[in-house]
Amino acid sequence: QATYCAEYNNLGSVKKIFEENKDEIAAIILEPVVGNSGFIKPDKEFLEGLREIANDNGSLLVFDEVMTGFRVSYGGAQQYFGVTPDVTTMGKVIGGGLPVGAYGGRKDIMEWVAPAGPMYQAGTLSGNPLAMTAGIETLKKLSQPGVYDELERKATMLVDGIVAAGKKHGHSLQGGVAGGMFGWFFNESEVKNFAEAAKSDSDKFGKWHRMMLERGVYLAPSMYEAGFMSMAHTDEDIEKTIAIADEVLSQL
């Protein structure tokens, strides 16, 4: 078996896999903030524990920051939570939304990659000048003082407003924020992993999405997707969205 699946936010499940496969685990790979099962925020102690387990077992810690990179902070989730992985992967966010991907890590690891080392890697879009120019200009804007404080303020305003509207109309809504990344579930309790996310009310989410769309608010069409705040969004946009959500939730 090449891959073992542990439970997110559950260090015990990770330790069990390592104990049962001594000296066989090459790397721990995860989204530091989950975005592919909806928005699920980690316990900081979980990420710190993974770093410790990797160190103790000679394994690599790999963060998939395709969603979190430059969204939760300028230094990604690793800066936000203060946990440094050995390898980081990133996606089109570094190209201003254009097609590009990248990975990087410790010097001793990256020296295995050609031309410095024997592992060959190339791609048609590697270093594409259009994507790189768009990425550089985007990163210039994101590096301005206060950008991530503002993104988190706006995301918190949106999530808190919609969760409050849900509570007002008798719905159990759970929401969370990390920098400009956010999400919510129609769930009775806080969601800490995929199994708990899967217990959310998908029928209600479907109705909620359609009713929001009919009123001009286009949210992610799956409860297993995260949302991203933009500096282009204004407080007025957010207030309008909350007001529409309040109307929809009153009719769900």
Protein backbone atom coordinates (compact mmCIF):
# COMPACT_ATOMS: atom_id res chain seq x y z
CA GLN A 1 0.00 0.00 0.00
CA ALA A 2 1.46 3.32 -1.10
CA THR A 3 -0.80 5.71 0.79
CA TYR A 4 -2.44 5.66 4.22
CA CYS A 5 -5.22 8.08 5.19
CA ALA A 6 -5.24 9.54 8.69
CA GLU A 7 -8.01 11.66 10.17
CA TYR A 8 -7.53 15.42 10.02
CA ASN A 9 -7.14 17.14 13.39
CA ASN A 10 -6.51 13.73 15.00
CA LEU A 11 -2.86 13.24 15.95
CA GLY A 12 -3.63 9.83 17.42
CA SER A 13 -4.64 8.48 14.01
CA VAL A 14 -1.37 9.72 12.50
CA LYS A 15 0.73 8.22 15.30
CA LYS A 16 -1.04 4.87 14.87
CA ILE A 17 -0.09 4.71 11.18
CA PHE A 18 3.54 5.47 12.00
CA GLU A 19 3.60 2.86 14.76
CA GLU A 20 2.15 0.20 12.44
CA ASN A 21 4.54 1.10 9.60
CA LYS A 22 7.83 1.79 11.36
CA ASP A 23 10.48 3.38 9.11
CA GLU A 24 8.16 3.07 6.08
CA ILE A 25 6.49 6.50 5.93
CA ALA A 26 8.25 8.88 3.54
CA ALA A 27 6.07 11.93 4.08
CA ILE A 28 3.00 13.42 5.71
CA ILE A 29 1.05 15.31 3.04
CA LEU A 30 -1.94 17.55 3.80
CA GLU A 31 -3.72 20.83 3.24
CA PRO A 32 -2.75 22.80 6.39
CA VAL A 33 -6.20 24.40 6.21
CA VAL A 34 -8.64 22.08 4.47
CA GLY A 35 -10.36 23.55 1.43
CA ASN A 36 -11.34 20.40 -0.47
CA SER A 37 -13.82 19.18 2.14
CA GLY A 38 -15.28 22.59 2.74
CA PHE A 39 -13.40 25.02 5.00
CA ILE A 40 -11.92 23.16 7.98
CA LYS A 41 -9.45 24.97 10.22
CA PRO A 42 -6.77 22.97 12.00
CA ASP A 43 -5.99 23.01 15.68
CA LYS A 44 -2.55 24.63 15.83
CA GLU A 45 -1.48 21.76 18.08
CA PHE A 46 -2.35 19.32 15.28
CA LEU A 47 0.06 20.97 12.84
CA GLU A 48 2.72 21.28 15.55
CA GLY A 49 2.26 17.61 16.37
CA LEU A 50 2.68 16.61 12.73
CA ARG A 51 5.95 18.56 12.59
CA GLU A 52 7.17 16.69 15.67
CA ILE A 53 6.11 13.27 14.32
CA ALA A 54 7.88 13.94 11.00
CA ASN A 55 11.04 15.02 12.81
CA ASP A 56 11.02 11.99 15.11
CA ASN A 57 10.57 9.54 12.23
CA GLY A 58 12.80 11.03 9.55
CA SER A 59 9.78 11.78 7.34
CA LEU A 60 9.01 14.90 5.35
CA LEU A 61 6.15 17.24 6.19
CA VAL A 62 4.53 18.48 2.97
CA PHE A 63 1.97 21.31 2.95
CA ASP A 64 -0.38 21.57 -0.02
CA GLU A 65 -0.79 25.36 -0.05
CA VAL A 66 -2.56 25.50 -3.41
CA MET A 67 -5.53 27.13 -1.65
CA THR A 68 -3.91 28.65 1.43
CA GLY A 69 -0.81 30.14 -0.21
CA PHE A 70 -1.02 33.96 -0.26
CA ARG A 71 -4.65 33.68 0.87
CA VAL A 72 -4.48 33.10 4.63
CA SER A 73 -1.32 35.22 4.90
CA TYR A 74 1.55 36.42 2.72
CA GLY A 75 3.55 33.46 4.00
CA GLY A 76 0.67 31.02 3.66
CA ALA A 77 -0.70 28.75 6.37
CA GLN A 78 2.83 27.94 7.55
CA GLN A 79 3.30 31.58 8.56
CA TYR A 80 -0.25 31.91 9.90
CA PHE A 81 0.17 28.93 12.25
CA GLY A 82 3.93 29.13 12.76
CA VAL A 83 4.68 25.61 11.52
CA THR A 84 7.29 25.18 8.77
CA PRO A 85 6.99 22.19 6.39
CA ASP A 86 9.87 20.59 4.48
CA VAL A 87 8.12 20.98 1.11
CA THR A 88 5.38 23.37 -0.06
CA THR A 89 3.19 23.13 -3.17
CA MET A 90 1.37 26.10 -4.70
CA GLY A 91 -1.02 26.67 -7.57
CA LYS A 92 -2.34 29.43 -9.81
CA VAL A 93 -2.45 31.99 -6.99
CA ILE A 94 1.25 32.66 -7.71
CA GLY A 95 0.31 33.48 -11.32
CA GLY A 96 -2.45 35.93 -10.55
CA GLY A 97 -4.97 33.20 -11.45
CA LEU A 98 -3.24 32.11 -14.67
CA PRO A 99 -2.08 28.49 -15.21
CA VAL A 100 0.98 27.73 -13.12
CA GLY A 101 2.09 25.52 -10.27
CA ALA A 102 5.20 25.39 -8.12
CA TYR A 103 6.86 23.49 -5.34
CA GLY A 104 9.76 24.36 -3.09
CA GLY A 105 11.42 23.28 0.10
CA ARG A 106 14.60 22.77 2.03
CA LYS A 107 17.81 23.28 0.07
CA ASP A 108 18.98 19.69 0.55
CA ILE A 109 15.69 18.44 -0.94
CA MET A 110 15.59 20.87 -3.85
CA GLU A 111 19.17 19.99 -4.82
CA TRP A 112 17.77 16.65 -6.03
CA VAL A 113 15.88 18.51 -8.79
CA ALA A 114 17.52 19.02 -12.21
CA PRO A 115 19.73 20.75 -13.21
CA ALA A 116 21.27 20.57 -9.73
CA GLY A 117 20.33 16.92 -9.23
CA PRO A 118 19.11 13.74 -10.91
CA MET A 119 15.32 14.24 -10.65
CA TYR A 120 14.18 15.66 -14.00
CA GLN A 121 11.28 18.12 -14.00
CA ALA A 122 9.94 20.35 -16.76
CA GLY A 123 6.64 21.74 -18.00
CA THR A 124 5.20 23.62 -20.96
CA LEU A 125 3.98 26.44 -18.74
CA SER A 126 7.00 26.56 -16.40
CA GLY A 127 8.06 30.18 -16.06
CA ASN A 128 5.46 31.36 -18.60
CA PRO A 129 6.10 35.13 -18.86
CA LEU A 130 2.41 36.11 -18.86
CA ALA A 131 1.63 34.08 -15.72
CA MET A 132 4.80 35.28 -13.99
CA THR A 133 4.04 38.93 -14.73
CA ALA A 134 0.46 38.57 -13.45
CA GLY A 135 1.76 36.78 -10.35
CA ILE A 136 4.39 39.41 -9.58
CA GLU A 137 1.87 42.23 -9.89
CA THR A 138 -0.60 40.36 -7.65
CA LEU A 139 2.06 39.73 -5.01
CA LYS A 140 3.05 43.41 -5.07
CA LYS A 141 -0.51 44.30 -4.07
CA LEU A 142 -0.69 41.57 -1.43
CA SER A 143 2.58 42.73 0.15
CA GLN A 144 1.12 46.13 1.06
CA PRO A 145 0.74 46.76 4.82
CA GLY A 146 -2.56 45.70 6.36
CA VAL A 147 -3.84 43.65 3.42
CA TYR A 148 -4.28 40.39 5.34
CA ASP A 149 -5.74 42.08 8.42
CA GLU A 150 -8.32 43.61 6.11
CA LEU A 151 -9.04 40.33 4.31
CA GLU A 152 -9.59 38.56 7.64
CA ARG A 153 -11.76 41.41 8.94
CA LYS A 154 -13.98 41.22 5.87
CA ALA A 155 -14.16 37.41 5.89
CA THR A 156 -15.04 37.45 9.60
CA MET A 157 -17.72 40.08 9.00
CA LEU A 158 -19.30 37.93 6.29
CA VAL A 159 -19.16 34.62 8.18
CA ASP A 160 -20.29 36.04 11.51
CA GLY A 161 -23.17 37.86 9.82
CA ILE A 162 -24.44 34.78 8.00
CA VAL A 163 -24.00 32.48 11.02
CA ALA A 164 -25.95 35.00 13.15
CA ALA A 165 -28.71 35.13 10.53
CA GLY A 166 -28.85 31.34 10.57
CA LYS A 167 -29.17 31.25 14.33
CA LYS A 168 -31.86 33.93 14.20
CA HIS A 169 -33.97 31.69 11.95
CA GLY A 170 -33.32 28.43 13.80
CA HIS A 171 -30.58 26.93 11.60
CA SER A 172 -27.45 25.28 12.98
CA LEU A 173 -24.66 26.92 10.98
CA GLN A 174 -20.96 26.51 11.73
CA GLY A 175 -18.50 28.99 10.21
CA GLY A 176 -14.79 29.69 10.27
CA VAL A 177 -12.13 32.03 8.91
CA ALA A 178 -8.36 32.03 8.33
CA GLY A 179 -7.07 35.17 6.65
CA GLY A 180 -9.11 35.61 3.47
CA MET A 181 -10.28 31.98 3.42
CA PHE A 182 -13.64 31.04 4.91
CA GLY A 183 -16.56 28.66 4.89
CA TRP A 184 -19.57 27.29 6.74
CA PHE A 185 -21.56 24.08 7.18
CA PHE A 186 -25.20 23.38 8.00
CA ASN A 187 -24.15 21.26 10.97
CA GLU A 188 -25.11 20.91 14.63
CA SER A 189 -21.50 21.10 15.86
CA GLU A 190 -18.08 22.44 14.87
CA VAL A 191 -16.58 20.54 11.93
CA LYS A 192 -13.05 19.22 12.53
CA ASN A 193 -12.59 16.66 9.73
CA PHE A 194 -14.18 15.19 6.59
CA ALA A 195 -16.29 12.61 8.44
CA GLU A 196 -17.93 15.41 10.42
CA ALA A 197 -18.30 17.57 7.29
CA ALA A 198 -20.12 14.69 5.58
CA LYS A 199 -22.79 14.78 8.31
CA SER A 200 -23.79 18.31 7.27
CA ASP A 201 -27.20 18.92 5.71
CA SER A 202 -26.48 18.75 1.97
CA ASP A 203 -30.13 19.15 0.97
CA LYS A 204 -30.39 22.38 2.91
CA PHE A 205 -27.10 23.57 1.41
CA GLY A 206 -28.45 22.91 -2.11
CA LYS A 207 -31.61 24.93 -1.46
CA TRP A 208 -29.56 27.69 0.19
CA HIS A 209 -27.22 27.90 -2.80
CA ARG A 210 -30.02 28.06 -5.35
CA MET A 211 -31.97 30.68 -3.41
CA MET A 212 -28.86 32.84 -2.94
CA LEU A 213 -28.07 32.54 -6.67
CA GLU A 214 -31.62 33.58 -7.61
CA ARG A 215 -31.02 36.77 -5.62
CA GLY A 216 -27.69 37.55 -7.29
CA VAL A 217 -25.20 35.98 -4.87
CA TYR A 218 -23.02 33.31 -6.49
CA LEU A 219 -21.45 31.14 -3.79
CA ALA A 220 -19.40 27.98 -4.33
CA PRO A 221 -21.90 25.35 -5.58
CA SER A 222 -20.68 22.56 -3.27
CA MET A 223 -20.64 22.41 0.51
CA TYR A 224 -17.20 20.82 0.11
CA GLU A 225 -15.66 24.02 -1.27
CA ALA A 226 -14.11 26.93 0.62
CA GLY A 227 -14.66 30.62 -0.10
CA PHE A 228 -12.09 33.37 -0.63
CA MET A 229 -12.41 37.03 0.26
CA SER A 230 -11.02 39.66 -2.13
CA MET A 231 -9.71 43.15 -1.51
CA ALA A 232 -12.19 44.19 -4.20
CA HIS A 233 -15.12 43.26 -1.96
CA THR A 234 -16.45 46.24 -0.02
CA ASP A 235 -18.24 46.39 3.32
CA GLU A 236 -21.35 47.34 1.34
CA ASP A 237 -21.02 44.13 -0.72
CA ILE A 238 -20.76 42.11 2.47
CA GLU A 239 -23.69 43.85 4.16
CA LYS A 240 -25.82 43.25 1.07
CA THR A 241 -24.83 39.57 1.02
CA ILE A 242 -25.72 39.17 4.70
CA ALA A 243 -29.08 40.85 4.15
CA ILE A 244 -29.87 38.50 1.25
CA ALA A 245 -28.74 35.52 3.33
CA ASP A 246 -31.03 36.65 6.14
CA GLU A 247 -33.97 36.68 3.72
CA VAL A 248 -33.08 33.24 2.32
CA LEU A 249 -32.53 31.68 5.74
CA SER A 250 -35.91 32.98 6.88
CA GLN A 251 -37.49 30.90 4.07
CA LEU A 252 -35.42 27.72 4.27
